mmCIF file of all heavy atoms, coordinates in Angstrom:
data_MODEL
# 
_entry.id   MODEL 
# 
loop_
_atom_site.group_PDB 
_atom_site.id 
_atom_site.type_symbol 
_atom_site.label_atom_id 
_atom_site.label_alt_id 
_atom_site.label_comp_id 
_atom_site.label_asym_id 
_atom_site.label_entity_id 
_atom_site.label_seq_id 
_atom_site.pdbx_PDB_ins_code 
_atom_site.Cartn_x 
_atom_site.Cartn_y 
_atom_site.Cartn_z 
_atom_site.occupancy 
_atom_site.B_iso_or_equiv 
_atom_site.pdbx_formal_charge 
_atom_site.auth_seq_id 
_atom_site.auth_comp_id 
_atom_site.auth_asym_id 
_atom_site.auth_atom_id 
_atom_site.pdbx_PDB_model_num 
ATOM 1   N N   . HIS A 1 1  ? 67.141 28.688 111.920 1.00 0.00 ? 1  HIS A N   1 
ATOM 2   C CA  . HIS A 1 1  ? 68.149 29.370 112.734 1.00 0.00 ? 1  HIS A CA  1 
ATOM 3   C C   . HIS A 1 1  ? 67.513 30.437 113.623 1.00 0.00 ? 1  HIS A C   1 
ATOM 4   O O   . HIS A 1 1  ? 67.891 30.587 114.790 1.00 0.00 ? 1  HIS A O   1 
ATOM 5   C CB  . HIS A 1 1  ? 69.215 30.001 111.842 1.00 0.00 ? 1  HIS A CB  1 
ATOM 6   C CG  . HIS A 1 1  ? 70.110 28.997 111.163 1.00 0.00 ? 1  HIS A CG  1 
ATOM 7   N ND1 . HIS A 1 1  ? 70.591 27.879 111.808 1.00 0.00 ? 1  HIS A ND1 1 
ATOM 8   C CD2 . HIS A 1 1  ? 70.608 28.952 109.893 1.00 0.00 ? 1  HIS A CD2 1 
ATOM 9   C CE1 . HIS A 1 1  ? 71.357 27.188 110.980 1.00 0.00 ? 1  HIS A CE1 1 
ATOM 10  N NE2 . HIS A 1 1  ? 71.369 27.806 109.806 1.00 0.00 ? 1  HIS A NE2 1 
ATOM 11  N N   . THR A 1 2  ? 66.541 31.173 113.072 1.00 0.00 ? 2  THR A N   1 
ATOM 12  C CA  . THR A 1 2  ? 65.906 32.233 113.866 1.00 0.00 ? 2  THR A CA  1 
ATOM 13  C C   . THR A 1 2  ? 65.070 31.644 114.991 1.00 0.00 ? 2  THR A C   1 
ATOM 14  O O   . THR A 1 2  ? 65.066 32.159 116.119 1.00 0.00 ? 2  THR A O   1 
ATOM 15  C CB  . THR A 1 2  ? 65.050 33.144 112.971 1.00 0.00 ? 2  THR A CB  1 
ATOM 16  O OG1 . THR A 1 2  ? 65.816 33.594 111.854 1.00 0.00 ? 2  THR A OG1 1 
ATOM 17  C CG2 . THR A 1 2  ? 64.556 34.357 113.756 1.00 0.00 ? 2  THR A CG2 1 
ATOM 18  N N   . LEU A 1 3  ? 64.342 30.562 114.701 1.00 0.00 ? 3  LEU A N   1 
ATOM 19  C CA  . LEU A 1 3  ? 63.565 29.898 115.756 1.00 0.00 ? 3  LEU A CA  1 
ATOM 20  C C   . LEU A 1 3  ? 64.493 29.365 116.853 1.00 0.00 ? 3  LEU A C   1 
ATOM 21  O O   . LEU A 1 3  ? 64.244 29.575 118.045 1.00 0.00 ? 3  LEU A O   1 
ATOM 22  C CB  . LEU A 1 3  ? 62.735 28.759 115.165 1.00 0.00 ? 3  LEU A CB  1 
ATOM 23  C CG  . LEU A 1 3  ? 61.504 29.160 114.349 1.00 0.00 ? 3  LEU A CG  1 
ATOM 24  C CD1 . LEU A 1 3  ? 60.914 27.932 113.646 1.00 0.00 ? 3  LEU A CD1 1 
ATOM 25  C CD2 . LEU A 1 3  ? 60.435 29.793 115.251 1.00 0.00 ? 3  LEU A CD2 1 
ATOM 26  N N   . PHE A 1 4  ? 65.559 28.700 116.449 1.00 0.00 ? 4  PHE A N   1 
ATOM 27  C CA  . PHE A 1 4  ? 66.481 28.121 117.428 1.00 0.00 ? 4  PHE A CA  1 
ATOM 28  C C   . PHE A 1 4  ? 67.136 29.223 118.269 1.00 0.00 ? 4  PHE A C   1 
ATOM 29  O O   . PHE A 1 4  ? 67.304 29.085 119.478 1.00 0.00 ? 4  PHE A O   1 
ATOM 30  C CB  . PHE A 1 4  ? 67.571 27.306 116.721 1.00 0.00 ? 4  PHE A CB  1 
ATOM 31  C CG  . PHE A 1 4  ? 67.049 26.143 115.910 1.00 0.00 ? 4  PHE A CG  1 
ATOM 32  C CD1 . PHE A 1 4  ? 67.884 25.471 115.026 1.00 0.00 ? 4  PHE A CD1 1 
ATOM 33  C CD2 . PHE A 1 4  ? 65.729 25.718 116.017 1.00 0.00 ? 4  PHE A CD2 1 
ATOM 34  C CE1 . PHE A 1 4  ? 67.419 24.401 114.275 1.00 0.00 ? 4  PHE A CE1 1 
ATOM 35  C CE2 . PHE A 1 4  ? 65.249 24.648 115.266 1.00 0.00 ? 4  PHE A CE2 1 
ATOM 36  C CZ  . PHE A 1 4  ? 66.101 23.993 114.390 1.00 0.00 ? 4  PHE A CZ  1 
ATOM 37  N N   . LYS A 1 5  ? 67.505 30.320 117.597 1.00 0.00 ? 5  LYS A N   1 
ATOM 38  C CA  . LYS A 1 5  ? 68.146 31.428 118.301 1.00 0.00 ? 5  LYS A CA  1 
ATOM 39  C C   . LYS A 1 5  ? 67.219 32.019 119.361 1.00 0.00 ? 5  LYS A C   1 
ATOM 40  O O   . LYS A 1 5  ? 67.677 32.525 120.394 1.00 0.00 ? 5  LYS A O   1 
ATOM 41  C CB  . LYS A 1 5  ? 68.554 32.508 117.290 1.00 0.00 ? 5  LYS A CB  1 
ATOM 42  C CG  . LYS A 1 5  ? 69.290 33.693 117.901 1.00 0.00 ? 5  LYS A CG  1 
ATOM 43  C CD  . LYS A 1 5  ? 69.699 34.689 116.826 1.00 0.00 ? 5  LYS A CD  1 
ATOM 44  C CE  . LYS A 1 5  ? 68.484 35.349 116.198 1.00 0.00 ? 5  LYS A CE  1 
ATOM 45  N NZ  . LYS A 1 5  ? 68.874 36.395 115.213 1.00 0.00 ? 5  LYS A NZ  1 
ATOM 46  N N   . ASN A 1 6  ? 65.916 31.933 119.109 1.00 0.00 ? 6  ASN A N   1 
ATOM 47  C CA  . ASN A 1 6  ? 64.929 32.467 120.048 1.00 0.00 ? 6  ASN A CA  1 
ATOM 48  C C   . ASN A 1 6  ? 64.371 31.382 120.975 1.00 0.00 ? 6  ASN A C   1 
ATOM 49  O O   . ASN A 1 6  ? 63.291 31.535 121.557 1.00 0.00 ? 6  ASN A O   1 
ATOM 50  C CB  . ASN A 1 6  ? 63.788 33.144 119.287 1.00 0.00 ? 6  ASN A CB  1 
ATOM 51  C CG  . ASN A 1 6  ? 64.198 34.485 118.720 1.00 0.00 ? 6  ASN A CG  1 
ATOM 52  O OD1 . ASN A 1 6  ? 64.144 35.500 119.394 1.00 0.00 ? 6  ASN A OD1 1 
ATOM 53  N ND2 . ASN A 1 6  ? 64.621 34.491 117.456 1.00 0.00 ? 6  ASN A ND2 1 
ATOM 54  N N   . ASN A 1 7  ? 65.119 30.275 121.083 1.00 0.00 ? 7  ASN A N   1 
ATOM 55  C CA  . ASN A 1 7  ? 64.787 29.199 122.030 1.00 0.00 ? 7  ASN A CA  1 
ATOM 56  C C   . ASN A 1 7  ? 63.453 28.526 121.751 1.00 0.00 ? 7  ASN A C   1 
ATOM 57  O O   . ASN A 1 7  ? 62.736 28.135 122.663 1.00 0.00 ? 7  ASN A O   1 
ATOM 58  C CB  . ASN A 1 7  ? 64.807 29.730 123.472 1.00 0.00 ? 7  ASN A CB  1 
ATOM 59  C CG  . ASN A 1 7  ? 66.173 30.266 123.864 1.00 0.00 ? 7  ASN A CG  1 
ATOM 60  O OD1 . ASN A 1 7  ? 67.200 29.635 123.593 1.00 0.00 ? 7  ASN A OD1 1 
ATOM 61  N ND2 . ASN A 1 7  ? 66.187 31.435 124.484 1.00 0.00 ? 7  ASN A ND2 1 
ATOM 62  N N   . VAL A 1 8  ? 63.116 28.410 120.476 1.00 0.00 ? 8  VAL A N   1 
ATOM 63  C CA  . VAL A 1 8  ? 61.920 27.658 120.079 1.00 0.00 ? 8  VAL A CA  1 
ATOM 64  C C   . VAL A 1 8  ? 62.349 26.620 119.046 1.00 0.00 ? 8  VAL A C   1 
ATOM 65  O O   . VAL A 1 8  ? 62.739 26.968 117.923 1.00 0.00 ? 8  VAL A O   1 
ATOM 66  C CB  . VAL A 1 8  ? 60.838 28.574 119.481 1.00 0.00 ? 8  VAL A CB  1 
ATOM 67  C CG1 . VAL A 1 8  ? 59.651 27.731 119.006 1.00 0.00 ? 8  VAL A CG1 1 
ATOM 68  C CG2 . VAL A 1 8  ? 60.372 29.604 120.493 1.00 0.00 ? 8  VAL A CG2 1 
ATOM 69  N N   . LYS A 1 9  ? 62.280 25.347 119.432 1.00 0.00 ? 9  LYS A N   1 
ATOM 70  C CA  . LYS A 1 9  ? 62.575 24.263 118.507 1.00 0.00 ? 9  LYS A CA  1 
ATOM 71  C C   . LYS A 1 9  ? 61.301 23.454 118.302 1.00 0.00 ? 9  LYS A C   1 
ATOM 72  O O   . LYS A 1 9  ? 60.886 22.719 119.206 1.00 0.00 ? 9  LYS A O   1 
ATOM 73  C CB  . LYS A 1 9  ? 63.689 23.362 119.047 1.00 0.00 ? 9  LYS A CB  1 
ATOM 74  C CG  . LYS A 1 9  ? 65.088 23.839 118.756 1.00 0.00 ? 9  LYS A CG  1 
ATOM 75  C CD  . LYS A 1 9  ? 66.106 22.733 118.988 1.00 0.00 ? 9  LYS A CD  1 
ATOM 76  C CE  . LYS A 1 9  ? 67.491 23.173 118.537 1.00 0.00 ? 9  LYS A CE  1 
ATOM 77  N NZ  . LYS A 1 9  ? 68.473 22.069 118.653 1.00 0.00 ? 9  LYS A NZ  1 
ATOM 78  N N   . PRO A 1 10 ? 60.665 23.586 117.148 1.00 0.00 ? 10 PRO A N   1 
ATOM 79  C CA  . PRO A 1 10 ? 59.459 22.800 116.914 1.00 0.00 ? 10 PRO A CA  1 
ATOM 80  C C   . PRO A 1 10 ? 59.741 21.307 117.013 1.00 0.00 ? 10 PRO A C   1 
ATOM 81  O O   . PRO A 1 10 ? 60.638 20.798 116.336 1.00 0.00 ? 10 PRO A O   1 
ATOM 82  C CB  . PRO A 1 10 ? 59.047 23.190 115.485 1.00 0.00 ? 10 PRO A CB  1 
ATOM 83  C CG  . PRO A 1 10 ? 59.723 24.492 115.227 1.00 0.00 ? 10 PRO A CG  1 
ATOM 84  C CD  . PRO A 1 10 ? 61.001 24.430 115.991 1.00 0.00 ? 10 PRO A CD  1 
ATOM 85  N N   . GLY A 1 11 ? 58.973 20.625 117.850 1.00 0.00 ? 11 GLY A N   1 
ATOM 86  C CA  . GLY A 1 11 ? 59.162 19.179 117.965 1.00 0.00 ? 11 GLY A CA  1 
ATOM 87  C C   . GLY A 1 11 ? 58.644 18.438 116.760 1.00 0.00 ? 11 GLY A C   1 
ATOM 88  O O   . GLY A 1 11 ? 59.090 17.324 116.452 1.00 0.00 ? 11 GLY A O   1 
ATOM 89  N N   . HIS A 1 12 ? 57.690 19.067 116.065 1.00 0.00 ? 12 HIS A N   1 
ATOM 90  C CA  . HIS A 1 12 ? 57.095 18.461 114.871 1.00 0.00 ? 12 HIS A CA  1 
ATOM 91  C C   . HIS A 1 12 ? 57.153 19.471 113.725 1.00 0.00 ? 12 HIS A C   1 
ATOM 92  O O   . HIS A 1 12 ? 56.744 20.628 113.878 1.00 0.00 ? 12 HIS A O   1 
ATOM 93  C CB  . HIS A 1 12 ? 55.647 18.053 115.131 1.00 0.00 ? 12 HIS A CB  1 
ATOM 94  C CG  . HIS A 1 12 ? 55.503 17.049 116.232 1.00 0.00 ? 12 HIS A CG  1 
ATOM 95  N ND1 . HIS A 1 12 ? 55.539 15.692 116.014 1.00 0.00 ? 12 HIS A ND1 1 
ATOM 96  C CD2 . HIS A 1 12 ? 55.339 17.213 117.570 1.00 0.00 ? 12 HIS A CD2 1 
ATOM 97  C CE1 . HIS A 1 12 ? 55.386 15.049 117.165 1.00 0.00 ? 12 HIS A CE1 1 
ATOM 98  N NE2 . HIS A 1 12 ? 55.262 15.954 118.123 1.00 0.00 ? 12 HIS A NE2 1 
ATOM 99  N N   . VAL A 1 13 ? 57.644 19.035 112.581 1.00 0.00 ? 13 VAL A N   1 
ATOM 100 C CA  . VAL A 1 13 ? 57.749 19.881 111.394 1.00 0.00 ? 13 VAL A CA  1 
ATOM 101 C C   . VAL A 1 13 ? 57.060 19.173 110.247 1.00 0.00 ? 13 VAL A C   1 
ATOM 102 O O   . VAL A 1 13 ? 57.346 17.998 109.962 1.00 0.00 ? 13 VAL A O   1 
ATOM 103 C CB  . VAL A 1 13 ? 59.222 20.170 111.042 1.00 0.00 ? 13 VAL A CB  1 
ATOM 104 C CG1 . VAL A 1 13 ? 59.313 21.021 109.779 1.00 0.00 ? 13 VAL A CG1 1 
ATOM 105 C CG2 . VAL A 1 13 ? 59.934 20.858 112.210 1.00 0.00 ? 13 VAL A CG2 1 
ATOM 106 N N   . ILE A 1 14 ? 56.145 19.890 109.592 1.00 0.00 ? 14 ILE A N   1 
ATOM 107 C CA  . ILE A 1 14 ? 55.374 19.306 108.481 1.00 0.00 ? 14 ILE A CA  1 
ATOM 108 C C   . ILE A 1 14 ? 55.584 20.164 107.242 1.00 0.00 ? 14 ILE A C   1 
ATOM 109 O O   . ILE A 1 14 ? 55.242 21.351 107.224 1.00 0.00 ? 14 ILE A O   1 
ATOM 110 C CB  . ILE A 1 14 ? 53.873 19.241 108.819 1.00 0.00 ? 14 ILE A CB  1 
ATOM 111 C CG1 . ILE A 1 14 ? 53.637 18.489 110.136 1.00 0.00 ? 14 ILE A CG1 1 
ATOM 112 C CG2 . ILE A 1 14 ? 53.097 18.587 107.670 1.00 0.00 ? 14 ILE A CG2 1 
ATOM 113 C CD1 . ILE A 1 14 ? 52.219 18.613 110.655 1.00 0.00 ? 14 ILE A CD1 1 
ATOM 114 N N   . PHE A 1 15 ? 56.153 19.589 106.208 1.00 0.00 ? 15 PHE A N   1 
ATOM 115 C CA  . PHE A 1 15 ? 56.289 20.273 104.923 1.00 0.00 ? 15 PHE A CA  1 
ATOM 116 C C   . PHE A 1 15 ? 55.156 19.816 104.009 1.00 0.00 ? 15 PHE A C   1 
ATOM 117 O O   . PHE A 1 15 ? 54.830 18.626 103.950 1.00 0.00 ? 15 PHE A O   1 
ATOM 118 C CB  . PHE A 1 15 ? 57.646 19.969 104.282 1.00 0.00 ? 15 PHE A CB  1 
ATOM 119 C CG  . PHE A 1 15 ? 58.804 20.528 105.056 1.00 0.00 ? 15 PHE A CG  1 
ATOM 120 C CD1 . PHE A 1 15 ? 59.683 19.695 105.727 1.00 0.00 ? 15 PHE A CD1 1 
ATOM 121 C CD2 . PHE A 1 15 ? 59.000 21.903 105.122 1.00 0.00 ? 15 PHE A CD2 1 
ATOM 122 C CE1 . PHE A 1 15 ? 60.749 20.215 106.442 1.00 0.00 ? 15 PHE A CE1 1 
ATOM 123 C CE2 . PHE A 1 15 ? 60.062 22.439 105.841 1.00 0.00 ? 15 PHE A CE2 1 
ATOM 124 C CZ  . PHE A 1 15 ? 60.943 21.587 106.507 1.00 0.00 ? 15 PHE A CZ  1 
ATOM 125 N N   . THR A 1 16 ? 54.554 20.770 103.321 1.00 0.00 ? 16 THR A N   1 
ATOM 126 C CA  . THR A 1 16 ? 53.410 20.429 102.480 1.00 0.00 ? 16 THR A CA  1 
ATOM 127 C C   . THR A 1 16 ? 53.498 21.166 101.147 1.00 0.00 ? 16 THR A C   1 
ATOM 128 O O   . THR A 1 16 ? 54.505 21.793 100.821 1.00 0.00 ? 16 THR A O   1 
ATOM 129 C CB  . THR A 1 16 ? 52.095 20.744 103.208 1.00 0.00 ? 16 THR A CB  1 
ATOM 130 O OG1 . THR A 1 16 ? 50.991 20.248 102.440 1.00 0.00 ? 16 THR A OG1 1 
ATOM 131 C CG2 . THR A 1 16 ? 51.907 22.244 103.432 1.00 0.00 ? 16 THR A CG2 1 
ATOM 132 N N   . THR A 1 17 ? 52.437 21.078 100.363 1.00 0.00 ? 17 THR A N   1 
ATOM 133 C CA  . THR A 1 17 ? 52.385 21.628 99.002  1.00 0.00 ? 17 THR A CA  1 
ATOM 134 C C   . THR A 1 17 ? 51.425 22.811 98.971  1.00 0.00 ? 17 THR A C   1 
ATOM 135 O O   . THR A 1 17 ? 51.014 23.321 99.999  1.00 0.00 ? 17 THR A O   1 
ATOM 136 C CB  . THR A 1 17 ? 51.908 20.550 98.026  1.00 0.00 ? 17 THR A CB  1 
ATOM 137 O OG1 . THR A 1 17 ? 50.521 20.258 98.289  1.00 0.00 ? 17 THR A OG1 1 
ATOM 138 C CG2 . THR A 1 17 ? 52.717 19.266 98.184  1.00 0.00 ? 17 THR A CG2 1 
ATOM 139 N N   . TYR A 1 18 ? 51.050 23.227 97.765  1.00 0.00 ? 18 TYR A N   1 
ATOM 140 C CA  . TYR A 1 18 ? 50.050 24.288 97.598  1.00 0.00 ? 18 TYR A CA  1 
ATOM 141 C C   . TYR A 1 18 ? 48.652 23.712 97.353  1.00 0.00 ? 18 TYR A C   1 
ATOM 142 O O   . TYR A 1 18 ? 47.706 24.454 97.148  1.00 0.00 ? 18 TYR A O   1 
ATOM 143 C CB  . TYR A 1 18 ? 50.407 25.196 96.424  1.00 0.00 ? 18 TYR A CB  1 
ATOM 144 C CG  . TYR A 1 18 ? 51.640 26.028 96.616  1.00 0.00 ? 18 TYR A CG  1 
ATOM 145 C CD1 . TYR A 1 18 ? 52.192 26.722 95.535  1.00 0.00 ? 18 TYR A CD1 1 
ATOM 146 C CD2 . TYR A 1 18 ? 52.267 26.143 97.853  1.00 0.00 ? 18 TYR A CD2 1 
ATOM 147 C CE1 . TYR A 1 18 ? 53.332 27.492 95.686  1.00 0.00 ? 18 TYR A CE1 1 
ATOM 148 C CE2 . TYR A 1 18 ? 53.404 26.914 98.024  1.00 0.00 ? 18 TYR A CE2 1 
ATOM 149 C CZ  . TYR A 1 18 ? 53.929 27.588 96.937  1.00 0.00 ? 18 TYR A CZ  1 
ATOM 150 O OH  . TYR A 1 18 ? 55.055 28.361 97.084  1.00 0.00 ? 18 TYR A OH  1 
ATOM 151 N N   . GLN A 1 19 ? 48.537 22.409 97.319  1.00 0.00 ? 19 GLN A N   1 
ATOM 152 C CA  . GLN A 1 19 ? 47.250 21.765 97.028  1.00 0.00 ? 19 GLN A CA  1 
ATOM 153 C C   . GLN A 1 19 ? 46.424 21.722 98.304  1.00 0.00 ? 19 GLN A C   1 
ATOM 154 O O   . GLN A 1 19 ? 46.831 21.128 99.295  1.00 0.00 ? 19 GLN A O   1 
ATOM 155 C CB  . GLN A 1 19 ? 47.468 20.361 96.481  1.00 0.00 ? 19 GLN A CB  1 
ATOM 156 C CG  . GLN A 1 19 ? 46.182 19.701 95.983  1.00 0.00 ? 19 GLN A CG  1 
ATOM 157 C CD  . GLN A 1 19 ? 46.468 18.445 95.187  1.00 0.00 ? 19 GLN A CD  1 
ATOM 158 O OE1 . GLN A 1 19 ? 47.588 18.229 94.749  1.00 0.00 ? 19 GLN A OE1 1 
ATOM 159 N NE2 . GLN A 1 19 ? 45.449 17.628 94.987  1.00 0.00 ? 19 GLN A NE2 1 
ATOM 160 N N   . GLU A 1 20 ? 45.257 22.349 98.269  1.00 0.00 ? 20 GLU A N   1 
ATOM 161 C CA  . GLU A 1 20 ? 44.468 22.468 99.491  1.00 0.00 ? 20 GLU A CA  1 
ATOM 162 C C   . GLU A 1 20 ? 43.867 21.136 99.920  1.00 0.00 ? 20 GLU A C   1 
ATOM 163 O O   . GLU A 1 20 ? 43.984 20.737 101.078 1.00 0.00 ? 20 GLU A O   1 
ATOM 164 C CB  . GLU A 1 20 ? 43.352 23.497 99.303  1.00 0.00 ? 20 GLU A CB  1 
ATOM 165 C CG  . GLU A 1 20 ? 42.591 23.811 100.588 1.00 0.00 ? 20 GLU A CG  1 
ATOM 166 C CD  . GLU A 1 20 ? 41.595 24.934 100.406 1.00 0.00 ? 20 GLU A CD  1 
ATOM 167 O OE1 . GLU A 1 20 ? 41.980 25.988 99.858  1.00 0.00 ? 20 GLU A OE1 1 
ATOM 168 O OE2 . GLU A 1 20 ? 40.429 24.760 100.805 1.00 0.00 ? 20 GLU A OE2 1 
ATOM 169 N N   . LYS A 1 21 ? 43.219 20.447 98.986  1.00 0.00 ? 21 LYS A N   1 
ATOM 170 C CA  . LYS A 1 21 ? 42.551 19.190 99.325  1.00 0.00 ? 21 LYS A CA  1 
ATOM 171 C C   . LYS A 1 21 ? 42.844 18.146 98.251  1.00 0.00 ? 21 LYS A C   1 
ATOM 172 O O   . LYS A 1 21 ? 43.235 18.476 97.132  1.00 0.00 ? 21 LYS A O   1 
ATOM 173 C CB  . LYS A 1 21 ? 41.031 19.390 99.436  1.00 0.00 ? 21 LYS A CB  1 
ATOM 174 C CG  . LYS A 1 21 ? 40.610 20.382 100.514 1.00 0.00 ? 21 LYS A CG  1 
ATOM 175 C CD  . LYS A 1 21 ? 39.096 20.553 100.510 1.00 0.00 ? 21 LYS A CD  1 
ATOM 176 C CE  . LYS A 1 21 ? 38.643 21.548 101.566 1.00 0.00 ? 21 LYS A CE  1 
ATOM 177 N NZ  . LYS A 1 21 ? 37.177 21.747 101.559 1.00 0.00 ? 21 LYS A NZ  1 
ATOM 178 N N   . ASP A 1 22 ? 42.637 16.881 98.604  1.00 0.00 ? 22 ASP A N   1 
ATOM 179 C CA  . ASP A 1 22 ? 42.782 15.810 97.622  1.00 0.00 ? 22 ASP A CA  1 
ATOM 180 C C   . ASP A 1 22 ? 41.848 16.067 96.444  1.00 0.00 ? 22 ASP A C   1 
ATOM 181 O O   . ASP A 1 22 ? 40.675 16.394 96.626  1.00 0.00 ? 22 ASP A O   1 
ATOM 182 C CB  . ASP A 1 22 ? 42.439 14.448 98.250  1.00 0.00 ? 22 ASP A CB  1 
ATOM 183 C CG  . ASP A 1 22 ? 43.470 14.047 99.298  1.00 0.00 ? 22 ASP A CG  1 
ATOM 184 O OD1 . ASP A 1 22 ? 44.611 14.529 99.205  1.00 0.00 ? 22 ASP A OD1 1 
ATOM 185 O OD2 . ASP A 1 22 ? 43.114 13.265 100.205 1.00 0.00 ? 22 ASP A OD2 1 
ATOM 186 N N   . GLY A 1 23 ? 42.387 15.926 95.238  1.00 0.00 ? 23 GLY A N   1 
ATOM 187 C CA  . GLY A 1 23 ? 41.549 16.092 94.055  1.00 0.00 ? 23 GLY A CA  1 
ATOM 188 C C   . GLY A 1 23 ? 41.503 17.504 93.519  1.00 0.00 ? 23 GLY A C   1 
ATOM 189 O O   . GLY A 1 23 ? 40.960 17.739 92.437  1.00 0.00 ? 23 GLY A O   1 
ATOM 190 N N   . ASP A 1 24 ? 42.051 18.477 94.246  1.00 0.00 ? 24 ASP A N   1 
ATOM 191 C CA  . ASP A 1 24 ? 42.081 19.836 93.722  1.00 0.00 ? 24 ASP A CA  1 
ATOM 192 C C   . ASP A 1 24 ? 42.973 19.904 92.486  1.00 0.00 ? 24 ASP A C   1 
ATOM 193 O O   . ASP A 1 24 ? 44.027 19.258 92.447  1.00 0.00 ? 24 ASP A O   1 
ATOM 194 C CB  . ASP A 1 24 ? 42.622 20.808 94.778  1.00 0.00 ? 24 ASP A CB  1 
ATOM 195 C CG  . ASP A 1 24 ? 41.561 21.204 95.796  1.00 0.00 ? 24 ASP A CG  1 
ATOM 196 O OD1 . ASP A 1 24 ? 40.392 20.849 95.584  1.00 0.00 ? 24 ASP A OD1 1 
ATOM 197 O OD2 . ASP A 1 24 ? 41.908 21.863 96.796  1.00 0.00 ? 24 ASP A OD2 1 
ATOM 198 N N   . PRO A 1 25 ? 42.591 20.708 91.477  1.00 0.00 ? 25 PRO A N   1 
ATOM 199 C CA  . PRO A 1 25 ? 43.336 20.739 90.206  1.00 0.00 ? 25 PRO A CA  1 
ATOM 200 C C   . PRO A 1 25 ? 44.584 21.598 90.280  1.00 0.00 ? 25 PRO A C   1 
ATOM 201 O O   . PRO A 1 25 ? 44.755 22.561 89.555  1.00 0.00 ? 25 PRO A O   1 
ATOM 202 C CB  . PRO A 1 25 ? 42.312 21.342 89.241  1.00 0.00 ? 25 PRO A CB  1 
ATOM 203 C CG  . PRO A 1 25 ? 41.494 22.255 90.100  1.00 0.00 ? 25 PRO A CG  1 
ATOM 204 C CD  . PRO A 1 25 ? 41.397 21.559 91.445  1.00 0.00 ? 25 PRO A CD  1 
ATOM 205 N N   . ILE A 1 26 ? 45.501 21.243 91.186  1.00 0.00 ? 26 ILE A N   1 
ATOM 206 C CA  . ILE A 1 26 ? 46.708 22.033 91.343  1.00 0.00 ? 26 ILE A CA  1 
ATOM 207 C C   . ILE A 1 26 ? 47.584 22.007 90.102  1.00 0.00 ? 26 ILE A C   1 
ATOM 208 O O   . ILE A 1 26 ? 48.324 22.951 89.831  1.00 0.00 ? 26 ILE A O   1 
ATOM 209 C CB  . ILE A 1 26 ? 47.511 21.536 92.572  1.00 0.00 ? 26 ILE A CB  1 
ATOM 210 C CG1 . ILE A 1 26 ? 48.655 22.522 92.898  1.00 0.00 ? 26 ILE A CG1 1 
ATOM 211 C CG2 . ILE A 1 26 ? 48.065 20.149 92.354  1.00 0.00 ? 26 ILE A CG2 1 
ATOM 212 C CD1 . ILE A 1 26 ? 48.194 23.832 93.423  1.00 0.00 ? 26 ILE A CD1 1 
# 
């Protein structure tokens, strides 16, 4: 809502985890 209100709509949105790299012992 805050981004949209300030006229910035990300064309790409990526949700991720806390695991930095493949194989990390998260």
